[in-house]
PDB file of N, CA and C in Angstrom:
ATOM      1  N   MET A   1     140.382 117.754 112.070  1.00  0.00           N
ATOM      2  CA  MET A   1     140.196 117.186 110.752  1.00  0.00           C
ATOM      3  C   MET A   1     138.732 117.260 110.331  1.00  0.00           C
ATOM      4  N   ILE A   2     138.481 117.548 109.095  1.00  0.00           N
ATOM      5  CA  ILE A   2     137.117 117.645 108.592  1.00  0.00           C
ATOM      6  C   ILE A   2     136.407 116.301 108.663  1.00  0.00           C
ATOM      7  N   LYS A   3     137.127 115.229 108.430  1.00  0.00           N
ATOM      8  CA  LYS A   3     136.529 113.898 108.421  1.00  0.00           C
ATOM      9  C   LYS A   3     135.772 113.595 109.717  1.00  0.00           C
ATOM     10  N   LYS A   4     136.261 114.063 110.826  1.00  0.00           N
ATOM     11  CA  LYS A   4     135.619 113.793 112.109  1.00  0.00           C
ATOM     12  C   LYS A   4     134.206 114.339 112.157  1.00  0.00           C
ATOM     13  N   TRP A   5     133.969 115.424 111.433  1.00  0.00           N
ATOM     14  CA  TRP A   5     132.663 116.076 111.492  1.00  0.00           C
ATOM     15  C   TRP A   5     131.695 115.569 110.441  1.00  0.00           C
ATOM     16  N   MET A   6     132.179 114.796 109.508  1.00  0.00           N
ATOM     17  CA  MET A   6     131.308 114.295 108.449  1.00  0.00           C
ATOM     18  C   MET A   6     130.571 113.051 108.938  1.00  0.00           C
ATOM     19  N   PRO A   7     129.251 113.041 108.798  1.00  0.00           N
ATOM     20  CA  PRO A   7     128.498 111.864 109.230  1.00  0.00           C
ATOM     21  C   PRO A   7     128.769 110.674 108.316  1.00  0.00           C
ATOM     22  N   LYS A   8     128.716 109.511 108.880  1.00  0.00           N
ATOM     23  CA  LYS A   8     128.896 108.297 108.098  1.00  0.00           C
ATOM     24  C   LYS A   8     127.570 107.995 107.395  1.00  0.00           C
ATOM     25  N   ILE A   9     127.646 107.780 106.104  1.00  0.00           N
ATOM     26  CA  ILE A   9     126.439 107.524 105.330  1.00  0.00           C
ATOM     27  C   ILE A   9     126.238 106.013 105.232  1.00  0.00           C
ATOM     28  N   VAL A  10     125.110 105.557 105.744  1.00  0.00           N
ATOM     29  CA  VAL A  10     124.778 104.144 105.697  1.00  0.00           C
ATOM     30  C   VAL A  10     123.429 104.009 105.005  1.00  0.00           C
ATOM     31  N   SER A  11     123.404 103.241 103.943  1.00  0.00           N
ATOM     32  CA  SER A  11     122.154 103.031 103.220  1.00  0.00           C
ATOM     33  C   SER A  11     121.549 101.703 103.635  1.00  0.00           C
ATOM     34  N   SER A  12     120.255 101.720 103.837  1.00  0.00           N
ATOM     35  CA  SER A  12     119.563 100.486 104.169  1.00  0.00           C
ATOM     36  C   SER A  12     119.327  99.690 102.881  1.00  0.00           C
ATOM     37  N   ASP A  13     118.999  98.423 103.046  1.00  0.00           N
ATOM     38  CA  ASP A  13     118.706  97.582 101.882  1.00  0.00           C
ATOM     39  C   ASP A  13     117.540  98.162 101.086  1.00  0.00           C
ATOM     40  N   HIS A  14     116.564  98.716 101.816  1.00  0.00           N
ATOM     41  CA  HIS A  14     115.395  99.304 101.154  1.00  0.00           C
ATOM     42  C   HIS A  14     115.808 100.488 100.273  1.00  0.00           C
ATOM     43  N   GLU A  15     116.680 101.341 100.775  1.00  0.00           N
ATOM     44  CA  GLU A  15     117.139 102.497 100.005  1.00  0.00           C
ATOM     45  C   GLU A  15     117.947 102.066  98.791  1.00  0.00           C
ATOM     46  N   ILE A  16     118.771 101.055  98.971  1.00  0.00           N
ATOM     47  CA  ILE A  16     119.582 100.551  97.861  1.00  0.00           C
ATOM     48  C   ILE A  16     118.684  99.980  96.775  1.00  0.00           C
ATOM     49  N   GLU A  17     117.676  99.204  97.165  1.00  0.00           N
ATOM     50  CA  GLU A  17     116.742  98.618  96.203  1.00  0.00           C
ATOM     51  C   GLU A  17     115.948  99.709  95.490  1.00  0.00           C
ATOM     52  N   ARG A  18     115.494 100.716  96.238  1.00  0.00           N
ATOM     53  CA  ARG A  18     114.738 101.827  95.650  1.00  0.00           C
ATOM     54  C   ARG A  18     115.605 102.562  94.627  1.00  0.00           C
ATOM     55  N   ASP A  19     116.855 102.832  94.974  1.00  0.00           N
ATOM     56  CA  ASP A  19     117.765 103.515  94.051  1.00  0.00           C
ATOM     57  C   ASP A  19     117.989 102.688  92.790  1.00  0.00           C
ATOM     58  N   ARG A  20     118.097 101.391  92.940  1.00  0.00           N
ATOM     59  CA  ARG A  20     118.290 100.498  91.797  1.00  0.00           C
ATOM     60  C   ARG A  20     117.049 100.554  90.888  1.00  0.00           C
ATOM     61  N   GLU A  21     115.866 100.529  91.480  1.00  0.00           N
ATOM     62  CA  GLU A  21     114.631 100.597  90.695  1.00  0.00           C
ATOM     63  C   GLU A  21     114.520 101.924  89.959  1.00  0.00           C
ATOM     64  N   ILE A  22     114.890 103.010  90.624  1.00  0.00           N
ATOM     65  CA  ILE A  22     114.845 104.328  89.987  1.00  0.00           C
ATOM     66  C   ILE A  22     115.791 104.368  88.792  1.00  0.00           C
ATOM     67  N   LYS A  23     116.985 103.818  88.941  1.00  0.00           N
ATOM     68  CA  LYS A  23     117.944 103.796  87.833  1.00  0.00           C
ATOM     69  C   LYS A  23     117.416 102.977  86.671  1.00  0.00           C
ATOM     70  N   GLU A  24     116.765 101.848  86.966  1.00  0.00           N
ATOM     71  CA  GLU A  24     116.205 101.012  85.907  1.00  0.00           C
ATOM     72  C   GLU A  24     115.096 101.747  85.159  1.00  0.00           C
ATOM     73  N   ILE A  25     114.239 102.444  85.902  1.00  0.00           N
ATOM     74  CA  ILE A  25     113.159 103.208  85.265  1.00  0.00           C
ATOM     75  C   ILE A  25     113.737 104.313  84.396  1.00  0.00           C
ATOM     76  N   ARG A  26     114.735 105.027  84.907  1.00  0.00           N
ATOM     77  CA  ARG A  26     115.377 106.091  84.118  1.00  0.00           C
ATOM     78  C   ARG A  26     115.945 105.529  82.822  1.00  0.00           C
ATOM     79  N   THR A  27     116.603 104.385  82.916  1.00  0.00           N
ATOM     80  CA  THR A  27     117.199 103.769  81.734  1.00  0.00           C
ATOM     81  C   THR A  27     116.123 103.417  80.714  1.00  0.00           C
ATOM     82  N   ARG A  28     115.024 102.823  81.183  1.00  0.00           N
ATOM     83  CA  ARG A  28     113.933 102.460  80.262  1.00  0.00           C
ATOM     84  C   ARG A  28     113.320 103.702  79.624  1.00  0.00           C
ATOM     85  N   ILE A  29     113.174 104.771  80.398  1.00  0.00           N
ATOM     86  CA  ILE A  29     112.606 106.008  79.857  1.00  0.00           C
ATOM     87  C   ILE A  29     113.503 106.569  78.762  1.00  0.00           C
ATOM     88  N   VAL A  30     114.795 106.619  79.025  1.00  0.00           N
ATOM     89  CA  VAL A  30     115.736 107.153  78.035  1.00  0.00           C
ATOM     90  C   VAL A  30     115.733 106.290  76.778  1.00  0.00           C
ATOM     91  N   GLU A  31     115.706 104.961  76.954  1.00  0.00           N
ATOM     92  CA  GLU A  31     115.677 104.063  75.795  1.00  0.00           C
ATOM     93  C   GLU A  31     114.416 104.282  74.969  1.00  0.00           C
ATOM     94  N   ARG A  32     113.281 104.405  75.634  1.00  0.00           N
ATOM     95  CA  ARG A  32     112.018 104.616  74.921  1.00  0.00           C
ATOM     96  C   ARG A  32     112.013 105.958  74.202  1.00  0.00           C
ATOM     97  N   LEU A  33     112.557 106.993  74.847  1.00  0.00           N
ATOM     98  CA  LEU A  33     112.625 108.301  74.185  1.00  0.00           C
ATOM     99  C   LEU A  33     113.485 108.227  72.931  1.00  0.00           C
ATOM    100  N   GLU A  34     114.594 107.531  73.029  1.00  0.00           N
ATOM    101  CA  GLU A  34     115.466 107.381  71.864  1.00  0.00           C
ATOM    102  C   GLU A  34     114.746 106.669  70.727  1.00  0.00           C
ATOM    103  N   GLU A  35     113.989 105.612  71.053  1.00  0.00           N
ATOM    104  CA  GLU A  35     113.240 104.881  70.038  1.00  0.00           C
ATOM    105  C   GLU A  35     112.120 105.732  69.447  1.00  0.00           C
ATOM    106  N   GLU A  36     111.346 106.368  70.308  1.00  0.00           N
ATOM    107  CA  GLU A  36     110.164 107.103  69.886  1.00  0.00           C
ATOM    108  C   GLU A  36     110.487 108.389  69.139  1.00  0.00           C
ATOM    109  N   LYS A  37     111.597 109.019  69.457  1.00  0.00           N
ATOM    110  CA  LYS A  37     111.877 110.321  68.832  1.00  0.00           C
ATOM    111  C   LYS A  37     112.139 110.185  67.339  1.00  0.00           C
ATOM    112  N   GLN A  38     112.438 108.993  66.877  1.00  0.00           N
ATOM    113  CA  GLN A  38     112.637 108.779  65.448  1.00  0.00           C
ATOM    114  C   GLN A  38     111.329 109.019  64.677  1.00  0.00           C
ATOM    115  N   ASN A  39     110.188 108.889  65.358  1.00  0.00           N
ATOM    116  CA  ASN A  39     108.887 109.023  64.709  1.00  0.00           C
ATOM    117  C   ASN A  39     108.340 110.451  64.738  1.00  0.00           C
ATOM    118  N   PHE A  40     109.061 111.376  65.333  1.00  0.00           N
ATOM    119  CA  PHE A  40     108.561 112.732  65.502  1.00  0.00           C
ATOM    120  C   PHE A  40     109.436 113.738  64.792  1.00  0.00           C
ATOM    121  N   ILE A  41     108.783 114.775  64.304  1.00  0.00           N
ATOM    122  CA  ILE A  41     109.504 115.959  63.840  1.00  0.00           C
ATOM    123  C   ILE A  41     109.294 116.984  64.946  1.00  0.00           C
ATOM    124  N   PHE A  42     110.354 117.346  65.605  1.00  0.00           N
ATOM    125  CA  PHE A  42     110.231 118.177  66.789  1.00  0.00           C
ATOM    126  C   PHE A  42     110.202 119.663  66.460  1.00  0.00           C
ATOM    127  N   HIS A  43     109.303 120.334  67.123  1.00  0.00           N
ATOM    128  CA  HIS A  43     109.218 121.791  67.039  1.00  0.00           C
ATOM    129  C   HIS A  43     110.321 122.340  67.940  1.00  0.00           C
ATOM    130  N   PRO A  44     110.934 123.441  67.574  1.00  0.00           N
ATOM    131  CA  PRO A  44     112.010 124.005  68.412  1.00  0.00           C
ATOM    132  C   PRO A  44     111.609 124.255  69.872  1.00  0.00           C
ATOM    133  N   SER A  45     110.315 124.416  70.117  1.00  0.00           N
ATOM    134  CA  SER A  45     109.884 124.679  71.491  1.00  0.00           C
ATOM    135  C   SER A  45     110.040 123.441  72.360  1.00  0.00           C
ATOM    136  N   GLY A  46     110.148 122.276  71.751  1.00  0.00           N
ATOM    137  CA  GLY A  46     110.299 121.048  72.519  1.00  0.00           C
ATOM    138  C   GLY A  46     108.983 120.512  73.066  1.00  0.00           C
ATOM    139  N   GLY A  47     107.878 121.086  72.635  1.00  0.00           N
ATOM    140  CA  GLY A  47     106.572 120.677  73.151  1.00  0.00           C
ATOM    141  C   GLY A  47     106.260 119.203  72.921  1.00  0.00           C
ATOM    142  N   LYS A  48     106.549 118.724  71.726  1.00  0.00           N
ATOM    143  CA  LYS A  48     106.231 117.323  71.426  1.00  0.00           C
ATOM    144  C   LYS A  48     107.105 116.372  72.239  1.00  0.00           C
ATOM    145  N   ILE A  49     108.382 116.676  72.378  1.00  0.00           N
ATOM    146  CA  ILE A  49     109.271 115.798  73.151  1.00  0.00           C
ATOM    147  C   ILE A  49     108.873 115.814  74.613  1.00  0.00           C
ATOM    148  N   LEU A  50     108.430 116.951  75.113  1.00  0.00           N
ATOM    149  CA  LEU A  50     107.992 117.033  76.501  1.00  0.00           C
ATOM    150  C   LEU A  50     106.749 116.172  76.710  1.00  0.00           C
ATOM    151  N   ASN A  51     105.776 116.283  75.822  1.00  0.00           N
ATOM    152  CA  ASN A  51     104.569 115.463  75.936  1.00  0.00           C
ATOM    153  C   ASN A  51     104.893 113.980  75.833  1.00  0.00           C
ATOM    154  N   LEU A  52     105.800 113.633  74.928  1.00  0.00           N
ATOM    155  CA  LEU A  52     106.217 112.242  74.790  1.00  0.00           C
ATOM    156  C   LEU A  52     106.886 111.760  76.067  1.00  0.00           C
ATOM    157  N   ALA A  53     107.770 112.560  76.613  1.00  0.00           N
ATOM    158  CA  ALA A  53     108.471 112.187  77.841  1.00  0.00           C
ATOM    159  C   ALA A  53     107.484 112.000  78.991  1.00  0.00           C
ATOM    160  N   ILE A  54     106.523 112.888  79.101  1.00  0.00           N
ATOM    161  CA  ILE A  54     105.523 112.778  80.171  1.00  0.00           C
ATOM    162  C   ILE A  54     104.726 111.501  80.026  1.00  0.00           C
ATOM    163  N   SER A  55     104.304 111.177  78.813  1.00  0.00           N
ATOM    164  CA  SER A  55     103.511 109.962  78.629  1.00  0.00           C
ATOM    165  C   SER A  55     104.338 108.710  78.924  1.00  0.00           C
ATOM    166  N   ILE A  56     105.597 108.697  78.544  1.00  0.00           N
ATOM    167  CA  ILE A  56     106.458 107.546  78.815  1.00  0.00           C
ATOM    168  C   ILE A  56     106.693 107.388  80.312  1.00  0.00           C
ATOM    169  N   VAL A  57     106.937 108.486  81.008  1.00  0.00           N
ATOM    170  CA  VAL A  57     107.151 108.429  82.455  1.00  0.00           C
ATOM    171  C   VAL A  57     105.902 107.897  83.143  1.00  0.00           C
ATOM    172  N   LYS A  58     104.739 108.382  82.745  1.00  0.00           N
ATOM    173  CA  LYS A  58     103.481 107.904  83.330  1.00  0.00           C
ATOM    174  C   LYS A  58     103.335 106.401  83.121  1.00  0.00           C
ATOM    175  N   GLU A  59     103.586 105.935  81.908  1.00  0.00           N
ATOM    176  CA  GLU A  59     103.480 104.498  81.612  1.00  0.00           C
ATOM    177  C   GLU A  59     104.436 103.681  82.474  1.00  0.00           C
ATOM    178  N   GLU A  60     105.668 104.154  82.595  1.00  0.00           N
ATOM    179  CA  GLU A  60     106.661 103.416  83.372  1.00  0.00           C
ATOM    180  C   GLU A  60     106.295 103.361  84.853  1.00  0.00           C
ATOM    181  N   LEU A  61     105.784 104.460  85.386  1.00  0.00           N
ATOM    182  CA  LEU A  61     105.448 104.493  86.802  1.00  0.00           C
ATOM    183  C   LEU A  61     104.180 103.703  87.112  1.00  0.00           C
ATOM    184  N   GLU A  62     103.252 103.653  86.168  1.00  0.00           N
ATOM    185  CA  GLU A  62     102.020 102.894  86.373  1.00  0.00           C
ATOM    186  C   GLU A  62     102.242 101.405  86.153  1.00  0.00           C
ATOM    187  N   GLY A  63     103.126 101.065  85.236  1.00  0.00           N
ATOM    188  CA  GLY A  63     103.341  99.665  84.870  1.00  0.00           C
ATOM    189  C   GLY A  63     104.433  99.094  85.645  1.00  0.00           C
TER     190      GLY A  63
END
């Protein structure tokens, strides 16, 4: 049976907490992008949205 060869995945409390924090940061980033994009006229190249996303990610990770 294939199941016998599959390792059992056990997450530590630290990993679970880290994953939860990452999900929260992702959610905040997406929410901020949705709010902020209303103020921009985007060039088809996506340059402005990329710069906005980078600045938001930096703020979230620093704060």
